[in-house]
Amino acid sequence: MARKKKLDFSAIGNARTKENLSQKDFWSRYGVTQSGGSRYESGRDIPKPLAILLWLHRTGKITDKDLADAMR
């Protein structure tokens, strides 16, 4: 049986700081509040739909424009 790989979301916080984005600016792209993003960066489990969205965006499968269009 294949072992389920847990995503390392502490890396998201590192990527966010490398992009010089505040938690508010970074997480609002995904419809998440600053406080929610802070909890996720601290290790709280991320809901599966959000994890998928993060993965799609971070791997280039969807763009910043796609995210902005979806928020409208």
C-alpha atoms as a PDB file:
ATOM      1  CA  MET A   1       0.000   0.000   0.000  1.00  0.00           C
ATOM      2  CA  ALA A   2       1.363   3.432  -0.930  1.00  0.00           C
ATOM      3  CA  ARG A   3       2.193   5.662   1.980  1.00  0.00           C
ATOM      4  CA  LYS A   4       0.374   8.978   1.974  1.00  0.00           C
ATOM      5  CA  LYS A   5       2.889  11.815   1.729  1.00  0.00           C
ATOM      6  CA  LYS A   6       2.154  14.683   4.093  1.00  0.00           C
ATOM      7  CA  LEU A   7       2.706  18.098   2.562  1.00  0.00           C
ATOM      8  CA  ASP A   8       5.209  20.317   4.367  1.00  0.00           C
ATOM      9  CA  PHE A   9       3.353  23.564   4.814  1.00  0.00           C
ATOM     10  CA  SER A  10       6.085  25.142   6.919  1.00  0.00           C
ATOM     11  CA  ALA A  11       7.737  25.519   3.512  1.00  0.00           C
ATOM     12  CA  ILE A  12       4.793  27.711   2.479  1.00  0.00           C
ATOM     13  CA  GLY A  13       5.696  30.198   5.213  1.00  0.00           C
ATOM     14  CA  ASN A  14       9.311  30.158   4.053  1.00  0.00           C
ATOM     15  CA  ALA A  15       8.255  30.735   0.442  1.00  0.00           C
ATOM     16  CA  ARG A  16       5.946  33.552   1.554  1.00  0.00           C
ATOM     17  CA  THR A  17       8.757  35.366   3.330  1.00  0.00           C
ATOM     18  CA  LYS A  18      11.107  34.860   0.369  1.00  0.00           C
ATOM     19  CA  GLU A  19       8.457  36.525  -1.813  1.00  0.00           C
ATOM     20  CA  ASN A  20       8.411  39.350   0.751  1.00  0.00           C
ATOM     21  CA  LEU A  21       4.645  39.005   1.266  1.00  0.00           C
ATOM     22  CA  SER A  22       2.747  39.561   4.480  1.00  0.00           C
ATOM     23  CA  GLN A  23       0.554  36.747   5.733  1.00  0.00           C
ATOM     24  CA  LYS A  24      -2.490  38.860   4.838  1.00  0.00           C
ATOM     25  CA  ASP A  25      -1.342  39.415   1.239  1.00  0.00           C
ATOM     26  CA  PHE A  26      -0.243  35.830   0.719  1.00  0.00           C
ATOM     27  CA  TRP A  27      -3.220  34.024   2.236  1.00  0.00           C
ATOM     28  CA  SER A  28      -5.877  36.374   0.835  1.00  0.00           C
ATOM     29  CA  ARG A  29      -5.013  34.975  -2.630  1.00  0.00           C
ATOM     30  CA  TYR A  30      -6.576  31.728  -1.437  1.00  0.00           C
ATOM     31  CA  GLY A  31      -9.527  33.232   0.434  1.00  0.00           C
ATOM     32  CA  VAL A  32      -7.907  32.664   3.853  1.00  0.00           C
ATOM     33  CA  THR A  33      -7.622  35.243   6.629  1.00  0.00           C
ATOM     34  CA  GLN A  34      -4.266  36.278   8.056  1.00  0.00           C
ATOM     35  CA  SER A  35      -5.011  34.518  11.339  1.00  0.00           C
ATOM     36  CA  GLY A  36      -6.001  31.320   9.524  1.00  0.00           C
ATOM     37  CA  GLY A  37      -2.818  31.435   7.451  1.00  0.00           C
ATOM     38  CA  SER A  38      -0.767  31.956  10.596  1.00  0.00           C
ATOM     39  CA  ARG A  39      -2.295  28.841  12.151  1.00  0.00           C
ATOM     40  CA  TYR A  40      -1.549  26.813   9.020  1.00  0.00           C
ATOM     41  CA  GLU A  41       2.053  28.029   8.966  1.00  0.00           C
ATOM     42  CA  SER A  42       2.318  26.990  12.612  1.00  0.00           C
ATOM     43  CA  GLY A  43       1.324  23.421  11.840  1.00  0.00           C
ATOM     44  CA  ARG A  44      -2.462  23.245  11.994  1.00  0.00           C
ATOM     45  CA  ASP A  45      -3.881  20.850   9.411  1.00  0.00           C
ATOM     46  CA  ILE A  46      -4.914  22.538   6.196  1.00  0.00           C
ATOM     47  CA  PRO A  47      -8.278  21.477   4.757  1.00  0.00           C
ATOM     48  CA  LYS A  48      -7.813  19.217   1.741  1.00  0.00           C
ATOM     49  CA  PRO A  49      -9.427  21.607  -0.811  1.00  0.00           C
ATOM     50  CA  LEU A  50      -7.075  24.399   0.303  1.00  0.00           C
ATOM     51  CA  ALA A  51      -4.088  22.053   0.223  1.00  0.00           C
ATOM     52  CA  ILE A  52      -4.963  21.112  -3.352  1.00  0.00           C
ATOM     53  CA  LEU A  53      -5.367  24.772  -4.337  1.00  0.00           C
ATOM     54  CA  LEU A  54      -2.002  25.639  -2.770  1.00  0.00           C
ATOM     55  CA  TRP A  55      -0.323  22.754  -4.558  1.00  0.00           C
ATOM     56  CA  LEU A  56      -1.871  23.702  -7.916  1.00  0.00           C
ATOM     57  CA  HIS A  57      -0.725  27.295  -7.542  1.00  0.00           C
ATOM     58  CA  ARG A  58       2.736  26.562  -6.141  1.00  0.00           C
ATOM     59  CA  THR A  59       3.455  24.086  -8.957  1.00  0.00           C
ATOM     60  CA  GLY A  60       2.322  26.526 -11.660  1.00  0.00           C
ATOM     61  CA  LYS A  61      -0.779  24.588 -12.699  1.00  0.00           C
ATOM     62  CA  ILE A  62      -2.881  27.692 -11.986  1.00  0.00           C
ATOM     63  CA  THR A  63      -1.744  31.320 -12.117  1.00  0.00           C
ATOM     64  CA  ASP A  64      -2.192  34.397  -9.941  1.00  0.00           C
ATOM     65  CA  LYS A  65      -4.714  35.583 -12.552  1.00  0.00           C
ATOM     66  CA  ASP A  66      -6.660  32.342 -12.180  1.00  0.00           C
ATOM     67  CA  LEU A  67      -6.831  32.888  -8.420  1.00  0.00           C
ATOM     68  CA  ALA A  68      -7.903  36.521  -8.819  1.00  0.00           C
ATOM     69  CA  ASP A  69     -10.581  35.573 -11.371  1.00  0.00           C
ATOM     70  CA  ALA A  70     -11.920  32.893  -9.033  1.00  0.00           C
ATOM     71  CA  MET A  71     -12.275  35.424  -6.201  1.00  0.00           C
ATOM     72  CA  ARG A  72     -14.645  37.583  -8.263  1.00  0.00           C
END
